[in-house]
Protein backbone atom coordinates (compact mmCIF):
# COMPACT_ATOMS: atom_id res chain seq x y z
CA MET A 1 63.59 94.11 105.71
CA GLN A 2 60.98 93.58 108.25
CA GLN A 3 61.47 90.17 110.44
CA PRO A 4 60.00 88.99 113.63
CA PRO A 5 62.35 89.78 116.67
CA LEU A 6 64.72 87.21 117.43
CA PRO A 7 65.38 85.91 120.97
CA SER A 8 68.58 86.79 122.67
CA GLY A 9 70.01 83.36 123.16
CA ALA A 10 69.89 79.64 121.76
CA GLY A 11 67.99 78.48 124.82
CA ALA A 12 65.30 81.25 124.24
CA GLN A 13 65.40 80.57 120.60
CA HIS A 14 64.07 76.91 121.15
CA ARG A 15 61.75 77.78 124.13
CA ALA A 16 60.01 80.46 122.23
CA GLY A 17 58.45 79.90 119.07
CA PRO A 18 55.78 78.22 116.82
CA LEU A 19 57.17 74.99 117.42
CA ASP A 20 57.90 73.40 120.78
CA ASN A 21 61.25 72.42 119.57
CA LEU A 22 62.89 71.70 116.20
CA ASP A 23 62.36 67.88 116.30
CA GLN A 24 58.51 68.77 116.19
CA TRP A 25 59.14 69.76 112.45
CA ASP A 26 60.81 66.09 111.74
CA ASP A 27 57.77 64.38 113.63
CA GLU A 28 55.36 66.48 111.55
CA LEU A 29 57.05 65.59 108.54
CA ARG A 30 57.22 62.25 109.12
CA SER A 31 53.37 62.16 109.98
CA ARG A 32 52.61 64.03 106.69
CA TYR A 33 54.42 61.36 104.59
CA LEU A 34 53.28 58.36 106.68
CA ALA A 35 49.65 59.62 106.38
CA ARG A 36 50.03 59.86 102.60
CA ARG A 37 50.94 56.06 102.08
CA THR A 38 47.25 55.45 102.83
CA SER A 39 45.78 58.66 101.46
CA PRO A 40 46.62 60.39 98.11
CA ARG A 41 45.13 63.65 99.32
CA PHE A 42 47.92 66.18 100.03
CA ARG A 43 45.67 68.57 101.86
CA ASP A 44 44.66 66.25 104.52
CA TYR A 45 48.03 66.96 106.31
CA GLU A 46 47.10 70.92 106.20
CA GLN A 47 43.81 70.38 107.63
CA THR A 48 44.87 68.29 110.58
CA ALA A 49 48.27 70.18 111.32
CA LYS A 50 48.62 71.58 114.78
CA PRO A 51 48.09 75.30 115.42
CA GLN A 52 51.76 75.82 116.03
CA VAL A 53 52.88 73.88 112.97
CA ARG A 54 50.64 76.15 110.80
CA GLU A 55 52.30 79.34 112.52
CA PHE A 56 55.60 77.94 111.72
CA TYR A 57 54.79 77.60 107.94
CA ARG A 58 53.15 81.13 107.95
CA LEU A 59 56.30 82.49 109.17
CA ASN A 60 58.44 80.52 106.76
CA HIS A 61 56.41 81.31 103.72
CA ARG A 62 56.10 85.11 104.53
CA TYR A 63 59.84 85.72 105.14
CA GLN A 64 61.62 83.30 102.68
CA THR A 65 62.30 85.86 99.99
CA TYR A 66 64.93 86.11 97.45
CA ASP A 67 66.65 89.08 99.27
CA PHE A 68 66.28 87.41 102.64
CA VAL A 69 68.19 84.39 101.22
CA GLN A 70 70.95 86.51 99.64
CA ALA A 71 71.40 88.27 103.05
CA LYS A 72 71.69 84.91 104.96
CA HIS A 73 74.27 83.99 102.50
CA ARG A 74 76.25 86.98 103.26
CA GLN A 75 75.71 86.47 106.85
CA PHE A 76 76.63 82.67 107.20
CA LEU A 77 78.72 81.40 103.94
CA SER A 78 82.02 83.13 104.92
CA LEU A 79 81.95 80.31 107.38
CA ASP A 80 83.47 82.39 110.05
CA ARG A 81 81.24 81.45 112.94
CA ALA A 82 83.58 78.58 114.55
CA THR A 83 86.17 76.07 113.78
CA MET A 84 85.32 72.67 114.99
CA GLY A 85 85.73 68.96 114.04
CA ILE A 86 82.31 67.05 112.80
CA TRP A 87 82.00 64.95 115.97
CA GLU A 88 82.49 68.15 118.03
CA ALA A 89 79.52 69.51 116.15
CA ILE A 90 77.47 66.61 116.75
CA GLU A 91 78.13 66.96 120.54
CA LEU A 92 77.31 70.68 120.36
CA LEU A 93 73.97 70.02 118.76
CA ASN A 94 73.27 67.36 121.01
CA THR A 95 73.79 69.66 124.03
CA LEU A 96 71.79 72.39 122.17
CA VAL A 97 68.66 70.41 121.55
CA ASP A 98 68.84 68.73 125.10
CA ASP A 99 69.16 71.82 127.32
CA SER A 100 66.44 73.62 125.36
CA ASP A 101 63.98 70.54 125.04
CA PRO A 102 64.08 68.64 128.29
CA ASP A 103 61.09 66.51 127.34
CA ILE A 104 62.60 65.05 124.14
CA ASP A 105 62.55 61.33 123.98
CA LEU A 106 66.04 60.74 122.58
CA PRO A 107 69.24 62.87 122.51
CA GLN A 108 69.77 64.36 119.04
CA ILE A 109 72.92 62.34 118.60
CA GLU A 110 70.82 58.90 118.94
CA HIS A 111 68.53 60.32 116.27
CA LEU A 112 71.78 60.84 113.98
CA LEU A 113 73.02 57.39 114.83
CA GLN A 114 69.61 55.99 114.18
CA THR A 115 69.56 57.30 110.61
CA ALA A 116 73.47 56.26 110.03
CA GLU A 117 72.95 52.71 111.40
CA ALA A 118 70.01 51.88 109.40
CA ILE A 119 72.12 52.91 106.21
CA ARG A 120 74.92 51.00 107.42
CA ALA A 121 72.84 47.91 107.97
CA ASP A 122 71.61 48.05 104.41
CA GLY A 123 75.33 47.80 103.30
CA LYS A 124 75.42 51.25 101.68
CA PRO A 125 78.95 53.02 100.89
CA ASP A 126 80.66 54.48 103.74
CA TRP A 127 80.16 58.09 102.49
CA PHE A 128 76.31 57.26 102.33
CA ILE A 129 76.64 56.20 106.28
CA LEU A 130 78.31 59.23 107.11
CA THR A 131 75.86 61.47 105.29
CA GLY A 132 73.20 59.96 107.49
CA LEU A 133 75.12 60.85 110.54
CA ILE A 134 75.74 64.48 109.72
CA HIS A 135 72.78 65.55 107.44
CA ASP A 136 71.20 67.63 110.31
CA LEU A 137 74.26 69.46 111.75
CA GLY A 138 73.23 72.45 109.85
CA LYS A 139 70.73 73.00 112.82
CA ILE A 140 73.56 74.60 114.72
CA LEU A 141 72.40 77.72 113.02
CA CYS A 142 70.22 78.02 116.21
CA LEU A 143 73.36 78.63 118.25
CA TRP A 144 73.73 82.18 116.25
CA GLY A 145 70.06 83.33 116.35
CA GLU A 146 68.49 81.91 113.61
CA PRO A 147 64.42 81.48 114.03
CA GLN A 148 63.21 78.15 113.64
CA TRP A 149 61.37 79.11 110.25
CA ALA A 150 65.08 79.75 109.00
CA VAL A 151 66.50 76.68 110.24
CA VAL A 152 64.04 73.79 109.40
CA GLY A 153 60.83 73.66 107.08
CA ASP A 154 60.26 72.32 103.56
CA THR A 155 62.87 73.98 101.07
CA PHE A 156 62.17 75.34 97.71
CA PRO A 157 63.33 77.70 95.03
CA VAL A 158 63.20 81.47 95.61
CA GLY A 159 63.26 84.06 92.59
CA CYS A 160 60.32 82.43 90.82
CA ALA A 161 56.63 81.79 91.40
CA PHE A 162 56.05 79.64 94.46
CA SER A 163 54.37 76.19 93.65
CA ASP A 164 51.14 75.35 94.77
CA ARG A 165 52.67 71.72 95.66
CA ILE A 166 54.37 73.28 98.70
CA VAL A 167 52.70 72.53 102.00
CA PHE A 168 50.51 75.62 103.17
CA HIS A 169 50.90 77.22 99.74
CA GLU A 170 48.32 79.81 100.79
CA PHE A 171 50.72 81.56 103.20
CA PHE A 172 52.86 82.68 100.34
CA GLU A 173 50.18 85.49 99.64
CA GLU A 174 52.13 87.42 102.62
CA ASN A 175 55.55 87.06 100.89
CA PRO A 176 56.51 90.05 98.66
CA ASP A 177 58.00 88.03 96.08
CA ARG A 178 54.47 86.70 95.48
CA HIS A 179 53.72 90.44 94.12
CA ASP A 180 57.09 91.15 92.52
CA VAL A 181 57.14 90.75 88.72
CA ARG A 182 60.72 89.81 88.86
CA TYR A 183 59.92 86.62 90.68
CA ASN A 184 56.30 85.73 90.37
CA SER A 185 56.30 83.95 86.82
CA PRO A 186 56.99 80.30 86.64
CA CYS A 187 60.55 80.94 85.79
CA GLY A 188 61.07 84.14 87.41
CA MET A 189 64.68 84.85 87.26
CA TYR A 190 65.87 81.51 85.85
CA ALA A 191 66.09 80.13 82.42
CA PRO A 192 63.71 77.14 81.66
CA HIS A 193 65.41 73.73 82.48
CA CYS A 194 68.40 75.65 84.01
CA GLY A 195 68.81 72.72 86.58
CA LEU A 196 69.04 72.34 90.35
CA GLU A 197 72.69 74.06 90.67
CA ARG A 198 71.34 77.12 89.24
CA LEU A 199 68.44 77.49 91.53
CA THR A 200 68.59 79.47 94.75
CA MET A 201 67.04 77.47 97.63
CA SER A 202 65.16 78.89 100.72
CA TRP A 203 67.48 79.27 103.68
CA GLY A 204 67.93 76.59 106.28
CA HIS A 205 70.10 74.08 107.62
CA ASP A 206 70.37 72.07 104.51
CA GLU A 207 71.91 74.77 102.32
CA TYR A 208 74.10 76.02 105.17
CA LEU A 209 75.69 72.49 105.90
CA TYR A 210 75.96 71.95 102.06
CA HIS A 211 78.54 75.02 101.99
CA VAL A 212 80.29 73.66 105.15
CA VAL A 213 81.03 70.28 103.82
CA ARG A 214 81.09 70.85 99.99
CA ASP A 215 84.85 70.28 99.61
CA HIS A 216 84.97 66.87 101.37
CA LEU A 217 82.04 64.58 100.26
CA PRO A 218 81.31 63.23 96.93
CA PRO A 219 78.45 64.68 94.73
CA PRO A 220 75.74 62.17 95.73
CA ALA A 221 76.33 62.83 99.35
CA LEU A 222 76.13 66.68 98.74
CA ALA A 223 73.01 66.48 96.88
CA MET A 224 71.22 64.39 99.79
CA ILE A 225 72.27 67.09 102.35
CA ARG A 226 71.42 70.12 100.24
CA TYR A 227 67.90 68.91 98.91
CA HIS A 228 66.72 66.42 101.55
CA SER A 229 64.04 69.18 102.77
CA CYS A 230 63.06 70.11 99.16
CA TYR A 231 59.79 67.82 99.36
CA PRO A 232 58.20 70.16 96.76
CA ILE A 233 60.65 68.88 94.00
CA HIS A 234 61.59 65.41 95.19
CA HIS A 235 58.42 64.15 96.69
CA GLU A 236 55.68 66.42 94.94
CA GLY A 237 57.13 66.67 91.34
CA ALA A 238 57.04 70.65 91.29
CA TYR A 239 59.49 72.69 89.33
CA ALA A 240 59.74 70.15 86.43
CA HIS A 241 60.08 73.37 84.13
CA LEU A 242 63.60 74.35 85.87
CA LEU A 243 64.97 70.90 86.15
CA ALA A 244 67.75 69.79 83.72
CA PRO A 245 67.91 66.19 82.47
CA GLU A 246 70.87 65.46 84.76
CA ASP A 247 68.87 66.16 87.80
CA ALA A 248 67.02 63.08 87.53
CA SER A 249 70.03 61.13 88.85
CA THR A 250 70.67 63.69 91.47
CA LEU A 251 66.94 63.19 92.72
CA GLN A 252 67.26 59.44 92.90
CA TRP A 253 70.03 59.92 95.42
CA VAL A 254 67.98 62.32 97.29
CA LYS A 255 64.87 60.06 97.28
CA GLU A 256 67.01 57.02 98.32
CA PHE A 257 68.44 59.09 101.38
CA ASN A 258 65.33 60.31 102.42
CA ARG A 259 63.67 56.88 102.86
CA TYR A 260 66.24 56.60 105.95
CA ASP A 261 65.66 60.06 107.05
CA LEU A 262 61.95 59.79 107.39
CA TYR A 263 61.40 56.35 108.51
CA THR A 264 64.07 55.18 110.75
CA LYS A 265 63.17 57.29 113.86
CA ARG A 266 62.32 55.14 116.69
CA GLU A 267 62.42 54.65 120.46
CA GLU A 268 65.16 52.07 120.48
CA ARG A 269 68.16 53.61 122.22
CA MET A 270 71.57 53.75 120.69
CA ASP A 271 74.87 52.77 122.39
CA VAL A 272 76.62 55.96 121.76
CA GLU A 273 79.97 55.08 123.51
CA GLN A 274 80.16 51.68 121.74
CA LEU A 275 79.40 53.26 118.03
CA GLN A 276 81.76 56.31 118.68
CA PRO A 277 85.17 54.66 117.51
CA PHE A 278 83.45 53.46 114.10
CA TYR A 279 82.17 56.84 113.49
CA ARG A 280 85.25 58.93 114.52
CA GLU A 281 87.11 56.66 112.07
CA LEU A 282 84.92 57.34 109.27
CA ILE A 283 84.77 60.94 109.73
CA ALA A 284 88.39 61.01 109.77
CA LYS A 285 88.44 59.35 106.29
CA TYR A 286 86.78 62.24 104.77
CA PHE A 287 87.20 65.37 107.12
CA PRO A 288 90.13 67.23 108.57
CA HIS A 289 90.47 67.38 112.34
CA ARG A 290 88.48 70.96 112.19
CA ILE A 291 86.53 72.62 109.62
CA ARG A 292 85.06 76.07 109.25
CA TRP A 293 81.45 76.63 110.35
């Protein structure tokens, strides 16, 4: 399976690539949906996106095939890369982003705390707050050589036709599955209305973290983690022919979470030292001291 060459280390991974850093995808994502608050035209974003963002999506849409995703499941879902606690993983991600992106406005840990604190301020359940804190921890895939396009980006089902509601849909023309009769029909390898749980999603930090934490959090939290980047489904209404009736409540949880994920980023500094005891105690309520990654 042909793929672009991977850089040799995590620092190189962040410095070389279609995006300047992983946070750039988050910023572009917020820009896309903030712009749509005043303009209903989905393609406006595609016309104004920066060249490096277009290149990011070109790579993502070219290489996210069903076989690629299955290979990543075999590579990472044995969870044998590391054993560490949740707060340790937060600090690790914080170091990774800071070291590779010296111009970032805020450390990654503060972005996570911004999301969690906004959820906490609205009086949501403690598992919801915890989900806000950890939802991006799957980005530590960068430590293990994953390219940007296989860590972040909008997620979508593989094994069936790619929806034209996926941003930069035209780049799927380069994807081998687009021309494979097993996968290029509306249902592809799936039965109609089979439900979200039966869909194989494109590879990235969402799917990886879901498997890391699946034994420790309630179903709504797991849905938020697993599908928060699946904008074609929960924002664009794509793939309705594959969804089951019970998926409606699942997607409501995801949408509720995403309003915090998209719109809480700000320049306000977070007092990590002051907040750390609360979040360490919350983590301990749901997670053992160390888990497998």
